[in-house]
Amino acid sequence: MALGRRVVGDDHPLIGRWQENPAQILLRTGDRGEALAEAEMALAAHERTLGTAHPWTRDSARACAQAFDALGRHAEATALRDRHAMA
């Protein structure tokens, strides 16, 4: 990640993508809290660099919603899905 930041810079959309991938892995291995933290950083990066309608932003939003659900925070997951027009 540090190398990627040096190569593409902090405001490149790939930074968010690179944060989302570990979020998915952390979620699958049961580290829900850390998964949510990574997914939220990815979502913030994608919203900032790509806007809310981009597919990568939706992927990050989906990862956040999945982490919220895994943590039992269903209302937050639903609100995020609604905000990003996901079923």
Foldseek 3Di string as FASTA:
>chain_A
DVVVCVVPNPLDLVVLVVLQVVLVVCVVVPVLVSSLVSLVVSLVSCCVRPNLQDPSNVSSLQSNLSSCVSVVNNVVSVVSCVVSVHD
